[in-house]
Amino acid sequence: MKLLIVTVVEEFEKDILRLFKEANIESFSSSDIDGYKNPTSMVRTASWFPSESGGVESSLFFSFTENEKIEALFRLIEEFNEALETNNPIKAIVVPIEKFI
């Protein structure tokens, strides 16, 4: 079992849900997050009266799942990202789990 973590901009949320389904990953959790590309964005949002809104509305998904399903999802994400015309690809990482109950 491994921990899969995926981040997407809000625009691709329905797409990643579809890809999870295609990879047979049925159990996962999600959270709304703000994504930032450079540290100057953080400085602007820390001021009292920021001139721009915070980060990009994004989502974080995570799942404790089997390697075969992760490999299937990574192939699907690679195909999806290759067809993108934006600079906001779906990003995914895998973290090994040493122990679990």
PDB file of N, CA and C in Angstrom:
ATOM      1  N   MET A   1       0.846  -1.175   0.000  1.00  0.00           N
ATOM      2  CA  MET A   1       0.000   0.000   0.000  1.00  0.00           C
ATOM      3  C   MET A   1       0.890   1.236   0.000  1.00  0.00           C
ATOM      4  N   LYS A   2       0.442   2.248  -0.753  1.00  0.00           N
ATOM      5  CA  LYS A   2       1.171   3.503  -0.854  1.00  0.00           C
ATOM      6  C   LYS A   2       0.198   4.666  -0.723  1.00  0.00           C
ATOM      7  N   LEU A   3       0.762   5.824  -0.419  1.00  0.00           N
ATOM      8  CA  LEU A   3      -0.037   7.040  -0.327  1.00  0.00           C
ATOM      9  C   LEU A   3       0.114   7.810  -1.630  1.00  0.00           C
ATOM     10  N   LEU A   4      -0.982   8.023  -2.312  1.00  0.00           N
ATOM     11  CA  LEU A   4      -1.026   8.775  -3.564  1.00  0.00           C
ATOM     12  C   LEU A   4      -1.540  10.173  -3.252  1.00  0.00           C
ATOM     13  N   ILE A   5      -0.828  11.198  -3.718  1.00  0.00           N
ATOM     14  CA  ILE A   5      -1.248  12.590  -3.536  1.00  0.00           C
ATOM     15  C   ILE A   5      -1.311  13.252  -4.900  1.00  0.00           C
ATOM     16  N   VAL A   6      -2.442  13.882  -5.214  1.00  0.00           N
ATOM     17  CA  VAL A   6      -2.655  14.508  -6.517  1.00  0.00           C
ATOM     18  C   VAL A   6      -3.140  15.937  -6.297  1.00  0.00           C
ATOM     19  N   THR A   7      -2.580  16.882  -7.049  1.00  0.00           N
ATOM     20  CA  THR A   7      -3.076  18.259  -7.024  1.00  0.00           C
ATOM     21  C   THR A   7      -3.524  18.668  -8.419  1.00  0.00           C
ATOM     22  N   VAL A   8      -4.618  19.414  -8.464  1.00  0.00           N
ATOM     23  CA  VAL A   8      -5.161  19.903  -9.730  1.00  0.00           C
ATOM     24  C   VAL A   8      -5.734  21.299  -9.525  1.00  0.00           C
ATOM     25  N   VAL A   9      -5.709  22.102 -10.590  1.00  0.00           N
ATOM     26  CA  VAL A   9      -6.435  23.371 -10.528  1.00  0.00           C
ATOM     27  C   VAL A   9      -7.916  23.045 -10.620  1.00  0.00           C
ATOM     28  N   GLU A  10      -8.727  23.937 -10.096  1.00  0.00           N
ATOM     29  CA  GLU A  10     -10.169  23.706 -10.019  1.00  0.00           C
ATOM     30  C   GLU A  10     -10.769  23.313 -11.378  1.00  0.00           C
ATOM     31  N   GLU A  11     -10.244  23.864 -12.439  1.00  0.00           N
ATOM     32  CA  GLU A  11     -10.737  23.599 -13.791  1.00  0.00           C
ATOM     33  C   GLU A  11     -10.686  22.110 -14.157  1.00  0.00           C
ATOM     34  N   PHE A  12      -9.741  21.363 -13.577  1.00  0.00           N
ATOM     35  CA  PHE A  12      -9.563  19.953 -13.937  1.00  0.00           C
ATOM     36  C   PHE A  12     -10.092  18.990 -12.876  1.00  0.00           C
ATOM     37  N   GLU A  13     -10.867  19.481 -11.932  1.00  0.00           N
ATOM     38  CA  GLU A  13     -11.361  18.621 -10.864  1.00  0.00           C
ATOM     39  C   GLU A  13     -12.222  17.474 -11.389  1.00  0.00           C
ATOM     40  N   LYS A  14     -13.135  17.759 -12.302  1.00  0.00           N
ATOM     41  CA  LYS A  14     -13.975  16.690 -12.866  1.00  0.00           C
ATOM     42  C   LYS A  14     -13.138  15.692 -13.656  1.00  0.00           C
ATOM     43  N   ASP A  15     -12.081  16.190 -14.308  1.00  0.00           N
ATOM     44  CA  ASP A  15     -11.217  15.302 -15.081  1.00  0.00           C
ATOM     45  C   ASP A  15     -10.483  14.320 -14.178  1.00  0.00           C
ATOM     46  N   ILE A  16      -9.944  14.791 -13.059  1.00  0.00           N
ATOM     47  CA  ILE A  16      -9.206  13.878 -12.188  1.00  0.00           C
ATOM     48  C   ILE A  16     -10.153  12.878 -11.539  1.00  0.00           C
ATOM     49  N   LEU A  17     -11.371  13.278 -11.244  1.00  0.00           N
ATOM     50  CA  LEU A  17     -12.342  12.326 -10.702  1.00  0.00           C
ATOM     51  C   LEU A  17     -12.629  11.223 -11.718  1.00  0.00           C
ATOM     52  N   ARG A  18     -12.718  11.595 -12.981  1.00  0.00           N
ATOM     53  CA  ARG A  18     -12.921  10.606 -14.042  1.00  0.00           C
ATOM     54  C   ARG A  18     -11.709   9.672 -14.144  1.00  0.00           C
ATOM     55  N   LEU A  19     -10.504  10.246 -14.059  1.00  0.00           N
ATOM     56  CA  LEU A  19      -9.288   9.432 -14.147  1.00  0.00           C
ATOM     57  C   LEU A  19      -9.172   8.488 -12.953  1.00  0.00           C
ATOM     58  N   PHE A  20      -9.543   8.939 -11.755  1.00  0.00           N
ATOM     59  CA  PHE A  20      -9.554   8.056 -10.587  1.00  0.00           C
ATOM     60  C   PHE A  20     -10.477   6.865 -10.855  1.00  0.00           C
ATOM     61  N   LYS A  21     -11.637   7.149 -11.407  1.00  0.00           N
ATOM     62  CA  LYS A  21     -12.599   6.082 -11.686  1.00  0.00           C
ATOM     63  C   LYS A  21     -12.037   5.104 -12.709  1.00  0.00           C
ATOM     64  N   GLU A  22     -11.423   5.616 -13.776  1.00  0.00           N
ATOM     65  CA  GLU A  22     -10.837   4.755 -14.805  1.00  0.00           C
ATOM     66  C   GLU A  22      -9.721   3.884 -14.242  1.00  0.00           C
ATOM     67  N   ALA A  23      -8.998   4.380 -13.248  1.00  0.00           N
ATOM     68  CA  ALA A  23      -7.900   3.625 -12.634  1.00  0.00           C
ATOM     69  C   ALA A  23      -8.401   2.726 -11.491  1.00  0.00           C
ATOM     70  N   ASN A  24      -9.709   2.692 -11.281  1.00  0.00           N
ATOM     71  CA  ASN A  24     -10.334   1.891 -10.221  1.00  0.00           C
ATOM     72  C   ASN A  24      -9.907   2.309  -8.818  1.00  0.00           C
ATOM     73  N   ILE A  25      -9.632   3.585  -8.641  1.00  0.00           N
ATOM     74  CA  ILE A  25      -9.359   4.125  -7.308  1.00  0.00           C
ATOM     75  C   ILE A  25     -10.670   4.707  -6.809  1.00  0.00           C
ATOM     76  N   GLU A  26     -11.323   3.958  -5.943  1.00  0.00           N
ATOM     77  CA  GLU A  26     -12.658   4.342  -5.503  1.00  0.00           C
ATOM     78  C   GLU A  26     -12.677   4.993  -4.130  1.00  0.00           C
ATOM     79  N   SER A  27     -11.623   4.807  -3.348  1.00  0.00           N
ATOM     80  CA  SER A  27     -11.562   5.398  -2.012  1.00  0.00           C
ATOM     81  C   SER A  27     -10.487   6.468  -1.981  1.00  0.00           C
ATOM     82  N   PHE A  28     -10.905   7.696  -1.735  1.00  0.00           N
ATOM     83  CA  PHE A  28      -9.964   8.803  -1.676  1.00  0.00           C
ATOM     84  C   PHE A  28     -10.593   9.948  -0.894  1.00  0.00           C
ATOM     85  N   SER A  29      -9.768  10.894  -0.528  1.00  0.00           N
ATOM     86  CA  SER A  29     -10.238  12.100   0.163  1.00  0.00           C
ATOM     87  C   SER A  29      -9.787  13.304  -0.634  1.00  0.00           C
ATOM     88  N   SER A  30     -10.455  14.440  -0.407  1.00  0.00           N
ATOM     89  CA  SER A  30     -10.070  15.662  -1.117  1.00  0.00           C
ATOM     90  C   SER A  30     -10.190  16.863  -0.197  1.00  0.00           C
ATOM     91  N   SER A  31      -9.504  17.918  -0.615  1.00  0.00           N
ATOM     92  CA  SER A  31      -9.547  19.168   0.133  1.00  0.00           C
ATOM     93  C   SER A  31      -9.320  20.323  -0.830  1.00  0.00           C
ATOM     94  N   ASP A  32     -10.011  21.430  -0.601  1.00  0.00           N
ATOM     95  CA  ASP A  32      -9.776  22.640  -1.396  1.00  0.00           C
ATOM     96  C   ASP A  32      -8.514  23.311  -0.881  1.00  0.00           C
ATOM     97  N   ILE A  33      -7.666  23.747  -1.796  1.00  0.00           N
ATOM     98  CA  ILE A  33      -6.428  24.427  -1.435  1.00  0.00           C
ATOM     99  C   ILE A  33      -6.219  25.617  -2.367  1.00  0.00           C
ATOM    100  N   ASP A  34      -5.310  26.503  -2.002  1.00  0.00           N
ATOM    101  CA  ASP A  34      -4.878  27.584  -2.888  1.00  0.00           C
ATOM    102  C   ASP A  34      -3.487  27.223  -3.381  1.00  0.00           C
ATOM    103  N   GLY A  35      -3.302  27.268  -4.696  1.00  0.00           N
ATOM    104  CA  GLY A  35      -2.003  26.952  -5.275  1.00  0.00           C
ATOM    105  C   GLY A  35      -1.236  28.223  -5.610  1.00  0.00           C
ATOM    106  N   TYR A  36       0.066  28.204  -5.381  1.00  0.00           N
ATOM    107  CA  TYR A  36       0.932  29.342  -5.664  1.00  0.00           C
ATOM    108  C   TYR A  36       2.096  28.871  -6.511  1.00  0.00           C
ATOM    109  N   LYS A  37       2.515  29.690  -7.469  1.00  0.00           N
ATOM    110  CA  LYS A  37       3.635  29.340  -8.335  1.00  0.00           C
ATOM    111  C   LYS A  37       4.941  29.996  -7.936  1.00  0.00           C
ATOM    112  N   ASN A  38       4.890  31.114  -7.216  1.00  0.00           N
ATOM    113  CA  ASN A  38       6.135  31.760  -6.796  1.00  0.00           C
ATOM    114  C   ASN A  38       5.940  32.412  -5.447  1.00  0.00           C
ATOM    115  N   PRO A  39       7.040  32.670  -4.727  1.00  0.00           N
ATOM    116  CA  PRO A  39       6.918  33.215  -3.375  1.00  0.00           C
ATOM    117  C   PRO A  39       6.364  34.632  -3.310  1.00  0.00           C
ATOM    118  N   THR A  40       6.419  35.403  -4.394  1.00  0.00           N
ATOM    119  CA  THR A  40       5.896  36.767  -4.325  1.00  0.00           C
ATOM    120  C   THR A  40       4.392  36.769  -4.114  1.00  0.00           C
ATOM    121  N   SER A  41       3.702  35.746  -4.566  1.00  0.00           N
ATOM    122  CA  SER A  41       2.262  35.653  -4.335  1.00  0.00           C
ATOM    123  C   SER A  41       1.965  35.583  -2.843  1.00  0.00           C
ATOM    124  N   MET A  42       2.783  34.848  -2.102  1.00  0.00           N
ATOM    125  CA  MET A  42       2.581  34.719  -0.666  1.00  0.00           C
ATOM    126  C   MET A  42       2.779  36.065   0.029  1.00  0.00           C
ATOM    127  N   VAL A  43       3.769  36.827  -0.419  1.00  0.00           N
ATOM    128  CA  VAL A  43       4.034  38.129   0.199  1.00  0.00           C
ATOM    129  C   VAL A  43       2.850  39.055  -0.008  1.00  0.00           C
ATOM    130  N   ARG A  44       2.290  39.066  -1.223  1.00  0.00           N
ATOM    131  CA  ARG A  44       1.152  39.934  -1.511  1.00  0.00           C
ATOM    132  C   ARG A  44      -0.054  39.585  -0.663  1.00  0.00           C
ATOM    133  N   THR A  45      -0.314  38.294  -0.458  1.00  0.00           N
ATOM    134  CA  THR A  45      -1.496  37.907   0.305  1.00  0.00           C
ATOM    135  C   THR A  45      -1.311  38.126   1.792  1.00  0.00           C
ATOM    136  N   ALA A  46      -0.072  38.308   2.237  1.00  0.00           N
ATOM    137  CA  ALA A  46       0.176  38.523   3.656  1.00  0.00           C
ATOM    138  C   ALA A  46      -0.031  39.978   4.062  1.00  0.00           C
ATOM    139  N   SER A  47      -0.131  40.883   3.095  1.00  0.00           N
ATOM    140  CA  SER A  47      -0.308  42.290   3.441  1.00  0.00           C
ATOM    141  C   SER A  47      -1.747  42.544   3.899  1.00  0.00           C
ATOM    142  N   TRP A  48      -1.959  43.710   4.523  1.00  0.00           N
ATOM    143  CA  TRP A  48      -3.295  44.034   5.022  1.00  0.00           C
ATOM    144  C   TRP A  48      -4.302  44.241   3.900  1.00  0.00           C
ATOM    145  N   PHE A  49      -3.866  44.856   2.815  1.00  0.00           N
ATOM    146  CA  PHE A  49      -4.761  45.155   1.702  1.00  0.00           C
ATOM    147  C   PHE A  49      -4.140  44.650   0.407  1.00  0.00           C
ATOM    148  N   PRO A  50      -4.167  43.342   0.162  1.00  0.00           N
ATOM    149  CA  PRO A  50      -3.519  42.819  -1.038  1.00  0.00           C
ATOM    150  C   PRO A  50      -4.181  43.356  -2.299  1.00  0.00           C
ATOM    151  N   SER A  51      -3.364  43.671  -3.309  1.00  0.00           N
ATOM    152  CA  SER A  51      -3.902  44.201  -4.557  1.00  0.00           C
ATOM    153  C   SER A  51      -4.459  43.086  -5.444  1.00  0.00           C
ATOM    154  N   GLU A  52      -4.036  41.865  -5.218  1.00  0.00           N
ATOM    155  CA  GLU A  52      -4.545  40.736  -5.994  1.00  0.00           C
ATOM    156  C   GLU A  52      -5.088  39.693  -5.044  1.00  0.00           C
ATOM    157  N   SER A  53      -5.963  38.845  -5.580  1.00  0.00           N
ATOM    158  CA  SER A  53      -6.486  37.772  -4.747  1.00  0.00           C
ATOM    159  C   SER A  53      -5.379  36.769  -4.470  1.00  0.00           C
ATOM    160  N   GLY A  54      -5.643  35.828  -3.570  1.00  0.00           N
ATOM    161  CA  GLY A  54      -4.658  34.824  -3.184  1.00  0.00           C
ATOM    162  C   GLY A  54      -4.278  33.914  -4.332  1.00  0.00           C
ATOM    163  N   GLY A  55      -3.996  32.686  -4.022  1.00  0.00           N
ATOM    164  CA  GLY A  55      -3.543  31.730  -5.015  1.00  0.00           C
ATOM    165  C   GLY A  55      -4.662  31.252  -5.917  1.00  0.00           C
ATOM    166  N   VAL A  56      -4.292  30.319  -6.750  1.00  0.00           N
ATOM    167  CA  VAL A  56      -5.237  29.713  -7.686  1.00  0.00           C
ATOM    168  C   VAL A  56      -6.048  28.656  -6.945  1.00  0.00           C
ATOM    169  N   GLU A  57      -7.364  28.695  -7.124  1.00  0.00           N
ATOM    170  CA  GLU A  57      -8.199  27.699  -6.465  1.00  0.00           C
ATOM    171  C   GLU A  57      -7.866  26.332  -7.031  1.00  0.00           C
ATOM    172  N   SER A  58      -7.502  25.417  -6.152  1.00  0.00           N
ATOM    173  CA  SER A  58      -7.052  24.082  -6.543  1.00  0.00           C
ATOM    174  C   SER A  58      -7.653  23.052  -5.609  1.00  0.00           C
ATOM    175  N   SER A  59      -7.392  21.787  -5.926  1.00  0.00           N
ATOM    176  CA  SER A  59      -7.843  20.688  -5.082  1.00  0.00           C
ATOM    177  C   SER A  59      -6.702  19.724  -4.856  1.00  0.00           C
ATOM    178  N   LEU A  60      -6.691  19.133  -3.676  1.00  0.00           N
ATOM    179  CA  LEU A  60      -5.725  18.113  -3.324  1.00  0.00           C
ATOM    180  C   LEU A  60      -6.499  16.835  -3.045  1.00  0.00           C
ATOM    181  N   PHE A  61      -6.076  15.748  -3.663  1.00  0.00           N
ATOM    182  CA  PHE A  61      -6.697  14.445  -3.449  1.00  0.00           C
ATOM    183  C   PHE A  61      -5.643  13.510  -2.883  1.00  0.00           C
ATOM    184  N   PHE A  62      -6.052  12.617  -1.989  1.00  0.00           N
ATOM    185  CA  PHE A  62      -5.114  11.604  -1.538  1.00  0.00           C
ATOM    186  C   PHE A  62      -5.843  10.290  -1.308  1.00  0.00           C
ATOM    187  N   SER A  63      -5.080   9.214  -1.502  1.00  0.00           N
ATOM    188  CA  SER A  63      -5.646   7.879  -1.381  1.00  0.00           C
ATOM    189  C   SER A  63      -4.568   6.908  -0.929  1.00  0.00           C
ATOM    190  N   PHE A  64      -4.924   6.016  -0.033  1.00  0.00           N
ATOM    191  CA  PHE A  64      -4.068   4.899   0.319  1.00  0.00           C
ATOM    192  C   PHE A  64      -4.509   3.758  -0.598  1.00  0.00           C
ATOM    193  N   THR A  65      -3.655   3.375  -1.528  1.00  0.00           N
ATOM    194  CA  THR A  65      -4.075   2.413  -2.530  1.00  0.00           C
ATOM    195  C   THR A  65      -2.926   1.518  -2.991  1.00  0.00           C
ATOM    196  N   GLU A  66      -3.252   0.557  -3.848  1.00  0.00           N
ATOM    197  CA  GLU A  66      -2.286  -0.414  -4.331  1.00  0.00           C
ATOM    198  C   GLU A  66      -1.494   0.136  -5.513  1.00  0.00           C
ATOM    199  N   ASN A  67      -0.298  -0.378  -5.687  1.00  0.00           N
ATOM    200  CA  ASN A  67       0.617   0.078  -6.728  1.00  0.00           C
ATOM    201  C   ASN A  67       0.032  -0.061  -8.139  1.00  0.00           C
ATOM    202  N   GLU A  68      -0.684  -1.157  -8.412  1.00  0.00           N
ATOM    203  CA  GLU A  68      -1.245  -1.360  -9.760  1.00  0.00           C
ATOM    204  C   GLU A  68      -2.208  -0.235 -10.144  1.00  0.00           C
ATOM    205  N   LYS A  69      -3.020   0.188  -9.198  1.00  0.00           N
ATOM    206  CA  LYS A  69      -3.976   1.268  -9.472  1.00  0.00           C
ATOM    207  C   LYS A  69      -3.242   2.599  -9.652  1.00  0.00           C
ATOM    208  N   ILE A  70      -2.180   2.789  -8.892  1.00  0.00           N
ATOM    209  CA  ILE A  70      -1.390   4.016  -9.019  1.00  0.00           C
ATOM    210  C   ILE A  70      -0.727   4.070 -10.393  1.00  0.00           C
ATOM    211  N   GLU A  71      -0.168   2.945 -10.835  1.00  0.00           N
ATOM    212  CA  GLU A  71       0.473   2.908 -12.149  1.00  0.00           C
ATOM    213  C   GLU A  71      -0.535   3.230 -13.249  1.00  0.00           C
ATOM    214  N   ALA A  72      -1.746   2.685 -13.138  1.00  0.00           N
ATOM    215  CA  ALA A  72      -2.795   2.974 -14.124  1.00  0.00           C
ATOM    216  C   ALA A  72      -3.136   4.460 -14.116  1.00  0.00           C
ATOM    217  N   LEU A  73      -3.265   5.049 -12.936  1.00  0.00           N
ATOM    218  CA  LEU A  73      -3.591   6.473 -12.841  1.00  0.00           C
ATOM    219  C   LEU A  73      -2.466   7.322 -13.426  1.00  0.00           C
ATOM    220  N   PHE A  74      -1.212   6.986 -13.139  1.00  0.00           N
ATOM    221  CA  PHE A  74      -0.094   7.763 -13.672  1.00  0.00           C
ATOM    222  C   PHE A  74      -0.093   7.751 -15.200  1.00  0.00           C
ATOM    223  N   ARG A  75      -0.393   6.605 -15.814  1.00  0.00           N
ATOM    224  CA  ARG A  75      -0.475   6.548 -17.284  1.00  0.00           C
ATOM    225  C   ARG A  75      -1.581   7.478 -17.794  1.00  0.00           C
ATOM    226  N   LEU A  76      -2.725   7.447 -17.133  1.00  0.00           N
ATOM    227  CA  LEU A  76      -3.846   8.306 -17.534  1.00  0.00           C
ATOM    228  C   LEU A  76      -3.505   9.785 -17.352  1.00  0.00           C
ATOM    229  N   ILE A  77      -2.838  10.128 -16.255  1.00  0.00           N
ATOM    230  CA  ILE A  77      -2.458  11.525 -16.016  1.00  0.00           C
ATOM    231  C   ILE A  77      -1.443  11.984 -17.055  1.00  0.00           C
ATOM    232  N   GLU A  78      -0.474  11.131 -17.393  1.00  0.00           N
ATOM    233  CA  GLU A  78       0.516  11.497 -18.417  1.00  0.00           C
ATOM    234  C   GLU A  78      -0.162  11.793 -19.747  1.00  0.00           C
ATOM    235  N   GLU A  79      -1.119  10.956 -20.144  1.00  0.00           N
ATOM    236  CA  GLU A  79      -1.870  11.184 -21.392  1.00  0.00           C
ATOM    237  C   GLU A  79      -2.652  12.495 -21.316  1.00  0.00           C
ATOM    238  N   PHE A  80      -3.297  12.732 -20.189  1.00  0.00           N
ATOM    239  CA  PHE A  80      -4.074  13.958 -20.007  1.00  0.00           C
ATOM    240  C   PHE A  80      -3.179  15.186 -20.113  1.00  0.00           C
ATOM    241  N   ASN A  81      -2.050  15.160 -19.410  1.00  0.00           N
ATOM    242  CA  ASN A  81      -1.142  16.312 -19.384  1.00  0.00           C
ATOM    243  C   ASN A  81      -0.531  16.596 -20.756  1.00  0.00           C
ATOM    244  N   GLU A  82      -0.277  15.557 -21.551  1.00  0.00           N
ATOM    245  CA  GLU A  82       0.298  15.755 -22.887  1.00  0.00           C
ATOM    246  C   GLU A  82      -0.630  16.549 -23.798  1.00  0.00           C
ATOM    247  N   ALA A  83      -1.936  16.441 -23.563  1.00  0.00           N
ATOM    248  CA  ALA A  83      -2.915  17.127 -24.409  1.00  0.00           C
ATOM    249  C   ALA A  83      -3.270  18.528 -23.904  1.00  0.00           C
ATOM    250  N   LEU A  84      -2.698  18.936 -22.780  1.00  0.00           N
ATOM    251  CA  LEU A  84      -3.034  20.237 -22.193  1.00  0.00           C
ATOM    252  C   LEU A  84      -2.479  21.400 -22.998  1.00  0.00           C
ATOM    253  N   GLU A  85      -3.242  22.482 -23.013  1.00  0.00           N
ATOM    254  CA  GLU A  85      -2.788  23.718 -23.644  1.00  0.00           C
ATOM    255  C   GLU A  85      -2.500  24.786 -22.593  1.00  0.00           C
ATOM    256  N   THR A  86      -2.572  24.411 -21.316  1.00  0.00           N
ATOM    257  CA  THR A  86      -2.305  25.361 -20.239  1.00  0.00           C
ATOM    258  C   THR A  86      -0.993  25.001 -19.546  1.00  0.00           C
ATOM    259  N   ASN A  87      -0.590  25.837 -18.612  1.00  0.00           N
ATOM    260  CA  ASN A  87       0.630  25.607 -17.850  1.00  0.00           C
ATOM    261  C   ASN A  87       0.308  25.073 -16.450  1.00  0.00           C
ATOM    262  N   ASN A  88      -0.803  24.344 -16.333  1.00  0.00           N
ATOM    263  CA  ASN A  88      -1.239  23.826 -15.036  1.00  0.00           C
ATOM    264  C   ASN A  88      -1.527  22.329 -15.113  1.00  0.00           C
ATOM    265  N   PRO A  89      -0.488  21.520 -15.292  1.00  0.00           N
ATOM    266  CA  PRO A  89      -0.736  20.080 -15.404  1.00  0.00           C
ATOM    267  C   PRO A  89      -1.204  19.485 -14.080  1.00  0.00           C
ATOM    268  N   ILE A  90      -1.838  18.326 -14.185  1.00  0.00           N
ATOM    269  CA  ILE A  90      -2.151  17.553 -12.991  1.00  0.00           C
ATOM    270  C   ILE A  90      -0.826  17.036 -12.452  1.00  0.00           C
ATOM    271  N   LYS A  91      -0.628  17.159 -11.150  1.00  0.00           N
ATOM    272  CA  LYS A  91       0.613  16.684 -10.527  1.00  0.00           C
ATOM    273  C   LYS A  91       0.275  15.585  -9.531  1.00  0.00           C
ATOM    274  N   ALA A  92       1.125  14.553  -9.500  1.00  0.00           N
ATOM    275  CA  ALA A  92       0.893  13.441  -8.593  1.00  0.00           C
ATOM    276  C   ALA A  92       2.218  12.929  -8.043  1.00  0.00           C
ATOM    277  N   ILE A  93       2.163  12.490  -6.791  1.00  0.00           N
ATOM    278  CA  ILE A  93       3.343  11.870  -6.177  1.00  0.00           C
ATOM    279  C   ILE A  93       2.880  10.620  -5.418  1.00  0.00           C
ATOM    280  N   VAL A  94       3.830   9.765  -5.134  1.00  0.00           N
ATOM    281  CA  VAL A  94       3.560   8.560  -4.366  1.00  0.00           C
ATOM    282  C   VAL A  94       4.534   8.504  -3.197  1.00  0.00           C
ATOM    283  N   VAL A  95       3.995   8.192  -2.027  1.00  0.00           N
ATOM    284  CA  VAL A  95       4.806   8.097  -0.825  1.00  0.00           C
ATOM    285  C   VAL A  95       4.652   6.660  -0.287  1.00  0.00           C
ATOM    286  N   PRO A  96       5.767   5.958  -0.110  1.00  0.00           N
ATOM    287  CA  PRO A  96       5.656   4.603   0.436  1.00  0.00           C
ATOM    288  C   PRO A  96       5.189   4.620   1.896  1.00  0.00           C
ATOM    289  N   ILE A  97       4.452   3.624   2.268  1.00  0.00           N
ATOM    290  CA  ILE A  97       3.962   3.504   3.632  1.00  0.00           C
ATOM    291  C   ILE A  97       4.746   2.381   4.319  1.00  0.00           C
ATOM    292  N   GLU A  98       5.420   2.699   5.398  1.00  0.00           N
ATOM    293  CA  GLU A  98       6.204   1.699   6.121  1.00  0.00           C
ATOM    294  C   GLU A  98       5.332   0.845   7.034  1.00  0.00           C
ATOM    295  N   LYS A  99       4.375   1.469   7.694  1.00  0.00           N
ATOM    296  CA  LYS A  99       3.497   0.773   8.632  1.00  0.00           C
ATOM    297  C   LYS A  99       2.105   1.352   8.549  1.00  0.00           C
ATOM    298  N   PHE A 100       1.116   0.514   8.771  1.00  0.00           N
ATOM    299  CA  PHE A 100      -0.252   1.030   8.872  1.00  0.00           C
ATOM    300  C   PHE A 100      -1.091   0.059   9.688  1.00  0.00           C
ATOM    301  N   ILE A 101      -2.190   0.557  10.206  1.00  0.00           N
ATOM    302  CA  ILE A 101      -3.114  -0.275  10.986  1.00  0.00           C
ATOM    303  C   ILE A 101      -4.450  -0.251  10.302  1.00  0.00           C
TER     304      ILE A 101
END
